[in-house]
Amino acid sequence: MITVSAFAQDNNQDANENSQNLYTEARYHYYLKTILLFNEYLDTDSGSFNTTELRFLHPIANKAWNLRVDLPLISTNTSSINKTGIGDIGVGISYIPYLKHESGGIAFRARVISNSAADPALGSGKWVFAPAIFYGKYLIANKLLWITNLENQSSFAGSSNRNDVNLTALENYFMYIIGKNWIAADVAFRYNNTNKGYPNNAFVEFGRKITQNDMAYIHPSVGFGGHKTYNYGIEVGMLILF
């Protein structure tokens, strides 16, 4: 979600400049080279997971396209066994066909999450394809941003000893901008078709733009619903645009 924050912060100052020029549309300001480094701690019924992740985003083609790479390092003490190693590496492509400051925008994303974890306890054991569609709009100009997205995750290969991945998620994110700061809230409703559960979650987020290109945030979260994947968590991250 911090990439959304970056979009809003950067859009805040640039979106109205030369709006009729194709190469200065708002979407191009979002697609800057981006490095996101964050750490997330999750408490579960069987132990805890700690993920340190490096996410890299790079504009490609006419910059309405974007390449995303996720490199997770995971530590877990589930089943009273401590394990640390590389998790499931993900690669994604995003495309924004339409984005205007006044009327909002639409985006599409497709990700492949690999079965690359160093240990079975650190990944799903499956190759997963995850298409998604996004819609976003300022509900209050330059102040309150709303983004909703629908994503499906389906496994197509991997270990036959692991459960298939078949998950659909509807997520809504609201961010209120206060100068260099922002406050956000997010709720995601999920249906896991494999175990017929509802592993939902929600979080609040507090962020600040430290410099023109650097932002930091913290967000505590909670899981809820049947077959929830975790009880509570906290994430702290740093975003760098260049």
C-alpha atoms as a PDB file:
ATOM      1  CA  MET A   1       0.000   0.000   0.000  1.00  0.00           C
ATOM      2  CA  ILE A   2       2.856   2.408   0.405  1.00  0.00           C
ATOM      3  CA  THR A   3       3.112   2.667  -3.379  1.00  0.00           C
ATOM      4  CA  VAL A   4      -0.355   4.155  -3.224  1.00  0.00           C
ATOM      5  CA  SER A   5       0.908   6.673  -0.692  1.00  0.00           C
ATOM      6  CA  ALA A   6       3.734   7.624  -2.986  1.00  0.00           C
ATOM      7  CA  PHE A   7       1.269   8.134  -5.829  1.00  0.00           C
ATOM      8  CA  ALA A   8      -0.837  10.483  -3.745  1.00  0.00           C
ATOM      9  CA  GLN A   9       2.048  12.457  -2.309  1.00  0.00           C
ATOM     10  CA  ASP A  10       3.658  13.002  -5.689  1.00  0.00           C
ATOM     11  CA  ASN A  11       0.351  13.594  -7.443  1.00  0.00           C
ATOM     12  CA  ASN A  12      -0.443  16.236  -4.841  1.00  0.00           C
ATOM     13  CA  GLN A  13       2.017  18.679  -6.285  1.00  0.00           C
ATOM     14  CA  ASP A  14       2.301  17.651  -9.920  1.00  0.00           C
ATOM     15  CA  ALA A  15      -1.043  16.392 -11.198  1.00  0.00           C
ATOM     16  CA  ASN A  16      -2.432  19.752 -12.290  1.00  0.00           C
ATOM     17  CA  GLU A  17       0.707  20.863 -14.130  1.00  0.00           C
ATOM     18  CA  ASN A  18       0.405  20.752 -17.920  1.00  0.00           C
ATOM     19  CA  SER A  19      -2.479  18.278 -17.678  1.00  0.00           C
ATOM     20  CA  GLN A  20      -3.168  18.414 -21.408  1.00  0.00           C
ATOM     21  CA  ASN A  21       0.332  17.249 -22.301  1.00  0.00           C
ATOM     22  CA  LEU A  22       0.439  13.473 -22.782  1.00  0.00           C
ATOM     23  CA  TYR A  23       3.893  13.190 -21.234  1.00  0.00           C
ATOM     24  CA  THR A  24       2.963  15.089 -18.081  1.00  0.00           C
ATOM     25  CA  GLU A  25      -0.224  13.201 -17.246  1.00  0.00           C
ATOM     26  CA  ALA A  26      -0.591  12.269 -13.602  1.00  0.00           C
ATOM     27  CA  ARG A  27       0.136   8.616 -14.250  1.00  0.00           C
ATOM     28  CA  TYR A  28       3.680   9.390 -15.394  1.00  0.00           C
ATOM     29  CA  HIS A  29       4.454  11.058 -12.079  1.00  0.00           C
ATOM     30  CA  TYR A  30       3.460   7.899 -10.256  1.00  0.00           C
ATOM     31  CA  TYR A  31       5.732   5.727 -12.321  1.00  0.00           C
ATOM     32  CA  LEU A  32       9.072   6.755 -10.922  1.00  0.00           C
ATOM     33  CA  LYS A  33      11.818   4.315 -10.011  1.00  0.00           C
ATOM     34  CA  THR A  34      10.943   3.213  -6.512  1.00  0.00           C
ATOM     35  CA  ILE A  35      12.596   1.224  -3.747  1.00  0.00           C
ATOM     36  CA  LEU A  36      10.478   0.091  -0.817  1.00  0.00           C
ATOM     37  CA  LEU A  37      12.061  -1.584   2.202  1.00  0.00           C
ATOM     38  CA  PHE A  38       9.759  -2.781   4.968  1.00  0.00           C
ATOM     39  CA  ASN A  39       9.568  -5.171   7.873  1.00  0.00           C
ATOM     40  CA  GLU A  40       6.327  -6.890   8.879  1.00  0.00           C
ATOM     41  CA  TYR A  41       5.713  -8.947  12.018  1.00  0.00           C
ATOM     42  CA  LEU A  42       2.676 -11.258  12.156  1.00  0.00           C
ATOM     43  CA  ASP A  43       1.439 -13.198  15.165  1.00  0.00           C
ATOM     44  CA  THR A  44      -0.359 -16.466  14.335  1.00  0.00           C
ATOM     45  CA  ASP A  45      -1.926 -19.269  16.374  1.00  0.00           C
ATOM     46  CA  SER A  46       1.063 -21.509  15.649  1.00  0.00           C
ATOM     47  CA  GLY A  47       3.878 -19.001  16.063  1.00  0.00           C
ATOM     48  CA  SER A  48       5.098 -15.856  14.344  1.00  0.00           C
ATOM     49  CA  PHE A  49       6.340 -14.704  10.959  1.00  0.00           C
ATOM     50  CA  ASN A  50       8.715 -11.814  10.358  1.00  0.00           C
ATOM     51  CA  THR A  51       9.174 -10.621   6.779  1.00  0.00           C
ATOM     52  CA  THR A  52      11.838  -8.179   5.645  1.00  0.00           C
ATOM     53  CA  GLU A  53      11.085  -7.306   2.037  1.00  0.00           C
ATOM     54  CA  LEU A  54      12.784  -5.297  -0.671  1.00  0.00           C
ATOM     55  CA  ARG A  55      10.400  -4.158  -3.420  1.00  0.00           C
ATOM     56  CA  PHE A  56      11.695  -2.532  -6.577  1.00  0.00           C
ATOM     57  CA  LEU A  57       9.481  -0.757  -9.121  1.00  0.00           C
ATOM     58  CA  HIS A  58      10.755   0.450 -12.489  1.00  0.00           C
ATOM     59  CA  PRO A  59       8.880   2.217 -15.314  1.00  0.00           C
ATOM     60  CA  ILE A  60       9.010   0.502 -18.693  1.00  0.00           C
ATOM     61  CA  ALA A  61       7.784   1.189 -22.225  1.00  0.00           C
ATOM     62  CA  ASN A  62       5.926   4.551 -22.302  1.00  0.00           C
ATOM     63  CA  LYS A  63       5.923   4.718 -18.473  1.00  0.00           C
ATOM     64  CA  ALA A  64       2.256   3.842 -18.245  1.00  0.00           C
ATOM     65  CA  TRP A  65       3.683   0.367 -17.572  1.00  0.00           C
ATOM     66  CA  ASN A  66       5.576  -0.632 -14.464  1.00  0.00           C
ATOM     67  CA  LEU A  67       7.708  -3.627 -13.477  1.00  0.00           C
ATOM     68  CA  ARG A  68       7.634  -4.776  -9.844  1.00  0.00           C
ATOM     69  CA  VAL A  69       9.950  -7.263  -8.123  1.00  0.00           C
ATOM     70  CA  ASP A  70       9.473  -8.493  -4.530  1.00  0.00           C
ATOM     71  CA  LEU A  71      12.370 -10.089  -2.656  1.00  0.00           C
ATOM     72  CA  PRO A  72      11.281 -11.375   0.787  1.00  0.00           C
ATOM     73  CA  LEU A  73      13.472 -12.620   3.635  1.00  0.00           C
ATOM     74  CA  ILE A  74      11.333 -14.523   6.143  1.00  0.00           C
ATOM     75  CA  SER A  75      11.914 -15.708   9.702  1.00  0.00           C
ATOM     76  CA  THR A  76       9.462 -17.983  11.479  1.00  0.00           C
ATOM     77  CA  ASN A  77       9.227 -19.867  14.740  1.00  0.00           C
ATOM     78  CA  THR A  78       6.127 -21.888  13.898  1.00  0.00           C
ATOM     79  CA  SER A  79       6.030 -25.393  15.384  1.00  0.00           C
ATOM     80  CA  SER A  80       8.752 -24.234  17.812  1.00  0.00           C
ATOM     81  CA  ILE A  81      11.331 -24.381  15.010  1.00  0.00           C
ATOM     82  CA  ASN A  82      13.224 -21.237  14.043  1.00  0.00           C
ATOM     83  CA  LYS A  83      13.793 -20.879  10.326  1.00  0.00           C
ATOM     84  CA  THR A  84      15.138 -17.975   8.258  1.00  0.00           C
ATOM     85  CA  GLY A  85      15.557 -17.753   4.511  1.00  0.00           C
ATOM     86  CA  ILE A  86      14.367 -16.412   1.173  1.00  0.00           C
ATOM     87  CA  GLY A  87      10.595 -16.547   0.715  1.00  0.00           C
ATOM     88  CA  ASP A  88       8.549 -16.729  -2.473  1.00  0.00           C
ATOM     89  CA  ILE A  89       9.927 -14.143  -4.920  1.00  0.00           C
ATOM     90  CA  GLY A  90       7.291 -12.277  -6.934  1.00  0.00           C
ATOM     91  CA  VAL A  91       7.352 -10.395 -10.249  1.00  0.00           C
ATOM     92  CA  GLY A  92       4.521  -8.220 -11.542  1.00  0.00           C
ATOM     93  CA  ILE A  93       3.529  -5.901 -14.380  1.00  0.00           C
ATOM     94  CA  SER A  94       1.124  -2.963 -13.896  1.00  0.00           C
ATOM     95  CA  TYR A  95      -0.590  -0.789 -16.496  1.00  0.00           C
ATOM     96  CA  ILE A  96      -2.618   2.401 -16.078  1.00  0.00           C
ATOM     97  CA  PRO A  97      -4.735   2.984 -19.203  1.00  0.00           C
ATOM     98  CA  TYR A  98      -6.549   5.985 -17.724  1.00  0.00           C
ATOM     99  CA  LEU A  99      -5.799   8.464 -14.945  1.00  0.00           C
ATOM    100  CA  LYS A 100      -7.081  12.017 -14.588  1.00  0.00           C
ATOM    101  CA  HIS A 101      -6.850  14.117 -11.465  1.00  0.00           C
ATOM    102  CA  GLU A 102     -10.524  15.094 -11.561  1.00  0.00           C
ATOM    103  CA  SER A 103     -12.203  11.794 -12.413  1.00  0.00           C
ATOM    104  CA  GLY A 104      -9.834   9.177 -11.002  1.00  0.00           C
ATOM    105  CA  GLY A 105      -8.051   6.320 -12.672  1.00  0.00           C
ATOM    106  CA  ILE A 106      -8.083   2.649 -13.566  1.00  0.00           C
ATOM    107  CA  ALA A 107      -5.144   0.266 -13.369  1.00  0.00           C
ATOM    108  CA  PHE A 108      -4.477  -3.396 -14.077  1.00  0.00           C
ATOM    109  CA  ARG A 109      -1.811  -5.621 -12.563  1.00  0.00           C
ATOM    110  CA  ALA A 110      -0.634  -9.188 -13.116  1.00  0.00           C
ATOM    111  CA  ARG A 111       1.784 -10.913 -10.733  1.00  0.00           C
ATOM    112  CA  VAL A 112       3.490 -14.295 -10.649  1.00  0.00           C
ATOM    113  CA  ILE A 113       4.622 -15.462  -7.218  1.00  0.00           C
ATOM    114  CA  SER A 114       7.256 -18.166  -7.565  1.00  0.00           C
ATOM    115  CA  ASN A 115       7.762 -21.327  -5.550  1.00  0.00           C
ATOM    116  CA  SER A 116      11.225 -20.166  -4.513  1.00  0.00           C
ATOM    117  CA  ALA A 117      11.213 -20.315  -0.715  1.00  0.00           C
ATOM    118  CA  ALA A 118      14.346 -21.804   0.802  1.00  0.00           C
ATOM    119  CA  ASP A 119      12.226 -23.973   3.124  1.00  0.00           C
ATOM    120  CA  PRO A 120       8.626 -25.234   2.893  1.00  0.00           C
ATOM    121  CA  ALA A 121       7.782 -23.335   6.086  1.00  0.00           C
ATOM    122  CA  LEU A 122       8.720 -20.044   4.391  1.00  0.00           C
ATOM    123  CA  GLY A 123       6.423 -20.206   1.347  1.00  0.00           C
ATOM    124  CA  SER A 124       3.233 -21.608  -0.139  1.00  0.00           C
ATOM    125  CA  GLY A 125       4.939 -24.409  -2.081  1.00  0.00           C
ATOM    126  CA  LYS A 126       3.045 -23.247  -5.185  1.00  0.00           C
ATOM    127  CA  TRP A 127       3.463 -21.068  -8.246  1.00  0.00           C
ATOM    128  CA  VAL A 128       0.698 -18.463  -8.095  1.00  0.00           C
ATOM    129  CA  PHE A 129      -0.816 -16.154 -10.726  1.00  0.00           C
ATOM    130  CA  ALA A 130      -2.515 -13.031  -9.370  1.00  0.00           C
ATOM    131  CA  PRO A 131      -4.378 -10.623 -11.706  1.00  0.00           C
ATOM    132  CA  ALA A 132      -5.926  -7.478 -10.210  1.00  0.00           C
ATOM    133  CA  ILE A 133      -7.914  -4.387 -11.197  1.00  0.00           C
ATOM    134  CA  PHE A 134      -7.795  -1.025  -9.387  1.00  0.00           C
ATOM    135  CA  TYR A 135      -9.930   2.109  -9.316  1.00  0.00           C
ATOM    136  CA  GLY A 136      -8.874   5.248  -7.473  1.00  0.00           C
ATOM    137  CA  LYS A 137     -10.290   8.729  -6.981  1.00  0.00           C
ATOM    138  CA  TYR A 138      -9.833  11.795  -4.784  1.00  0.00           C
ATOM    139  CA  LEU A 139     -13.015  12.120  -2.718  1.00  0.00           C
ATOM    140  CA  ILE A 140     -11.723  15.473  -1.468  1.00  0.00           C
ATOM    141  CA  ALA A 141      -9.337  17.175  -3.906  1.00  0.00           C
ATOM    142  CA  ASN A 142      -5.700  16.664  -2.869  1.00  0.00           C
ATOM    143  CA  LYS A 143      -6.834  15.539   0.586  1.00  0.00           C
ATOM    144  CA  LEU A 144      -8.799  12.288   0.703  1.00  0.00           C
ATOM    145  CA  LEU A 145      -7.833   9.504  -1.678  1.00  0.00           C
ATOM    146  CA  TRP A 146      -9.837   6.282  -2.125  1.00  0.00           C
ATOM    147  CA  ILE A 147      -8.491   3.233  -3.952  1.00  0.00           C
ATOM    148  CA  THR A 148     -10.341  -0.046  -4.314  1.00  0.00           C
ATOM    149  CA  ASN A 149      -9.002  -3.206  -5.911  1.00  0.00           C
ATOM    150  CA  LEU A 150     -10.102  -6.735  -6.698  1.00  0.00           C
ATOM    151  CA  GLU A 151      -7.476  -9.488  -6.923  1.00  0.00           C
ATOM    152  CA  ASN A 152      -7.558 -13.231  -7.459  1.00  0.00           C
ATOM    153  CA  GLN A 153      -4.656 -15.527  -6.551  1.00  0.00           C
ATOM    154  CA  SER A 154      -4.656 -19.001  -8.129  1.00  0.00           C
ATOM    155  CA  SER A 155      -1.914 -21.621  -8.069  1.00  0.00           C
ATOM    156  CA  PHE A 156      -1.015 -23.330 -11.336  1.00  0.00           C
ATOM    157  CA  ALA A 157       2.024 -25.458 -10.403  1.00  0.00           C
ATOM    158  CA  GLY A 158       4.118 -26.529  -7.439  1.00  0.00           C
ATOM    159  CA  SER A 159       4.238 -29.224  -4.799  1.00  0.00           C
ATOM    160  CA  SER A 160       1.386 -31.735  -4.905  1.00  0.00           C
ATOM    161  CA  ASN A 161       1.738 -32.075  -1.139  1.00  0.00           C
ATOM    162  CA  ARG A 162       0.696 -28.473  -0.506  1.00  0.00           C
ATOM    163  CA  ASN A 163      -2.799 -26.989  -0.614  1.00  0.00           C
ATOM    164  CA  ASP A 164      -3.835 -25.191  -3.775  1.00  0.00           C
ATOM    165  CA  VAL A 165      -4.004 -21.411  -3.612  1.00  0.00           C
ATOM    166  CA  ASN A 166      -7.390 -20.018  -4.635  1.00  0.00           C
ATOM    167  CA  LEU A 167      -8.048 -16.666  -2.968  1.00  0.00           C
ATOM    168  CA  THR A 168     -10.151 -13.647  -3.976  1.00  0.00           C
ATOM    169  CA  ALA A 169      -9.750 -10.303  -2.219  1.00  0.00           C
ATOM    170  CA  LEU A 170     -11.677  -7.023  -2.337  1.00  0.00           C
ATOM    171  CA  GLU A 171      -9.730  -4.200  -0.709  1.00  0.00           C
ATOM    172  CA  ASN A 172     -10.575  -0.565   0.062  1.00  0.00           C
ATOM    173  CA  TYR A 173      -7.931   1.979   1.044  1.00  0.00           C
ATOM    174  CA  PHE A 174      -8.592   5.533   2.264  1.00  0.00           C
ATOM    175  CA  MET A 175      -5.808   8.053   2.798  1.00  0.00           C
ATOM    176  CA  TYR A 176      -6.123  11.567   4.206  1.00  0.00           C
ATOM    177  CA  ILE A 177      -3.217  13.906   3.481  1.00  0.00           C
ATOM    178  CA  ILE A 178      -2.203  16.541   6.036  1.00  0.00           C
ATOM    179  CA  GLY A 179       0.712  18.543   4.661  1.00  0.00           C
ATOM    180  CA  LYS A 180       3.711  16.214   4.665  1.00  0.00           C
ATOM    181  CA  ASN A 181       1.843  13.607   6.697  1.00  0.00           C
ATOM    182  CA  TRP A 182      -0.880  11.114   5.915  1.00  0.00           C
ATOM    183  CA  ILE A 183      -3.298   8.924   7.847  1.00  0.00           C
ATOM    184  CA  ALA A 184      -4.804   5.908   6.137  1.00  0.00           C
ATOM    185  CA  ALA A 185      -7.195   3.047   6.804  1.00  0.00           C
ATOM    186  CA  ASP A 186      -7.587  -0.155   4.837  1.00  0.00           C
ATOM    187  CA  VAL A 187      -9.896  -3.153   5.027  1.00  0.00           C
ATOM    188  CA  ALA A 188      -9.594  -6.255   2.845  1.00  0.00           C
ATOM    189  CA  PHE A 189     -12.335  -8.879   2.575  1.00  0.00           C
ATOM    190  CA  ARG A 190     -11.061 -12.235   1.327  1.00  0.00           C
ATOM    191  CA  TYR A 191     -12.565 -15.588   0.437  1.00  0.00           C
ATOM    192  CA  ASN A 192     -10.295 -18.642   0.446  1.00  0.00           C
ATOM    193  CA  ASN A 193     -11.945 -21.147  -1.844  1.00  0.00           C
ATOM    194  CA  THR A 194      -9.549 -23.890  -0.759  1.00  0.00           C
ATOM    195  CA  ASN A 195     -10.590 -24.017   2.898  1.00  0.00           C
ATOM    196  CA  LYS A 196     -13.872 -22.090   2.498  1.00  0.00           C
ATOM    197  CA  GLY A 197     -12.640 -19.453   4.951  1.00  0.00           C
ATOM    198  CA  TYR A 198     -12.618 -15.663   5.183  1.00  0.00           C
ATOM    199  CA  PRO A 199      -9.081 -14.523   6.127  1.00  0.00           C
ATOM    200  CA  ASN A 200      -9.865 -10.796   6.256  1.00  0.00           C
ATOM    201  CA  ASN A 201      -7.643  -8.066   7.641  1.00  0.00           C
ATOM    202  CA  ALA A 202      -7.618  -4.332   8.349  1.00  0.00           C
ATOM    203  CA  PHE A 203      -4.963  -1.767   9.209  1.00  0.00           C
ATOM    204  CA  VAL A 204      -4.417   1.894   9.988  1.00  0.00           C
ATOM    205  CA  GLU A 205      -1.360   3.682   8.636  1.00  0.00           C
ATOM    206  CA  PHE A 206       0.590   6.738   9.708  1.00  0.00           C
ATOM    207  CA  GLY A 207       3.114   8.178   7.250  1.00  0.00           C
ATOM    208  CA  ARG A 208       5.300  11.195   6.663  1.00  0.00           C
ATOM    209  CA  LYS A 209       7.122  12.624   3.679  1.00  0.00           C
ATOM    210  CA  ILE A 210      10.623  13.177   5.086  1.00  0.00           C
ATOM    211  CA  THR A 211      12.225  14.714   1.981  1.00  0.00           C
ATOM    212  CA  GLN A 212      11.038  15.306  -1.568  1.00  0.00           C
ATOM    213  CA  ASN A 213      11.801  11.676  -2.442  1.00  0.00           C
ATOM    214  CA  ASP A 214      11.784   9.811   0.874  1.00  0.00           C
ATOM    215  CA  MET A 215       8.780   8.675   2.917  1.00  0.00           C
ATOM    216  CA  ALA A 216       8.340   6.543   6.020  1.00  0.00           C
ATOM    217  CA  TYR A 217       5.282   4.832   7.481  1.00  0.00           C
ATOM    218  CA  ILE A 218       4.052   2.497  10.185  1.00  0.00           C
ATOM    219  CA  HIS A 219       0.866   0.484  10.224  1.00  0.00           C
ATOM    220  CA  PRO A 220      -0.549  -1.902  12.806  1.00  0.00           C
ATOM    221  CA  SER A 221      -3.034  -4.469  11.496  1.00  0.00           C
ATOM    222  CA  VAL A 222      -5.444  -7.128  12.671  1.00  0.00           C
ATOM    223  CA  GLY A 223      -6.790 -10.288  11.066  1.00  0.00           C
ATOM    224  CA  PHE A 224     -10.440 -11.314  11.403  1.00  0.00           C
ATOM    225  CA  GLY A 225     -12.906 -13.808   9.964  1.00  0.00           C
ATOM    226  CA  GLY A 226     -12.998 -17.580   9.666  1.00  0.00           C
ATOM    227  CA  HIS A 227      -9.625 -19.247   8.997  1.00  0.00           C
ATOM    228  CA  LYS A 228      -7.792 -15.938   9.447  1.00  0.00           C
ATOM    229  CA  THR A 229      -4.106 -16.186   8.584  1.00  0.00           C
ATOM    230  CA  TYR A 230      -2.867 -14.131  11.546  1.00  0.00           C
ATOM    231  CA  ASN A 231      -4.069 -12.443  14.725  1.00  0.00           C
ATOM    232  CA  TYR A 232      -2.285  -9.101  14.666  1.00  0.00           C
ATOM    233  CA  GLY A 233       0.713  -7.528  12.996  1.00  0.00           C
ATOM    234  CA  ILE A 234       2.774  -4.401  12.581  1.00  0.00           C
ATOM    235  CA  GLU A 235       4.658  -3.106   9.545  1.00  0.00           C
ATOM    236  CA  VAL A 236       7.284  -0.363   9.305  1.00  0.00           C
ATOM    237  CA  GLY A 237       8.652   0.812   5.978  1.00  0.00           C
ATOM    238  CA  MET A 238      10.706   3.330   4.026  1.00  0.00           C
ATOM    239  CA  LEU A 239      10.005   4.427   0.450  1.00  0.00           C
ATOM    240  CA  ILE A 240      12.601   6.042  -1.821  1.00  0.00           C
ATOM    241  CA  LEU A 241      11.765   7.594  -5.195  1.00  0.00           C
ATOM    242  CA  PHE A 242      14.515   8.332  -7.711  1.00  0.00           C
END
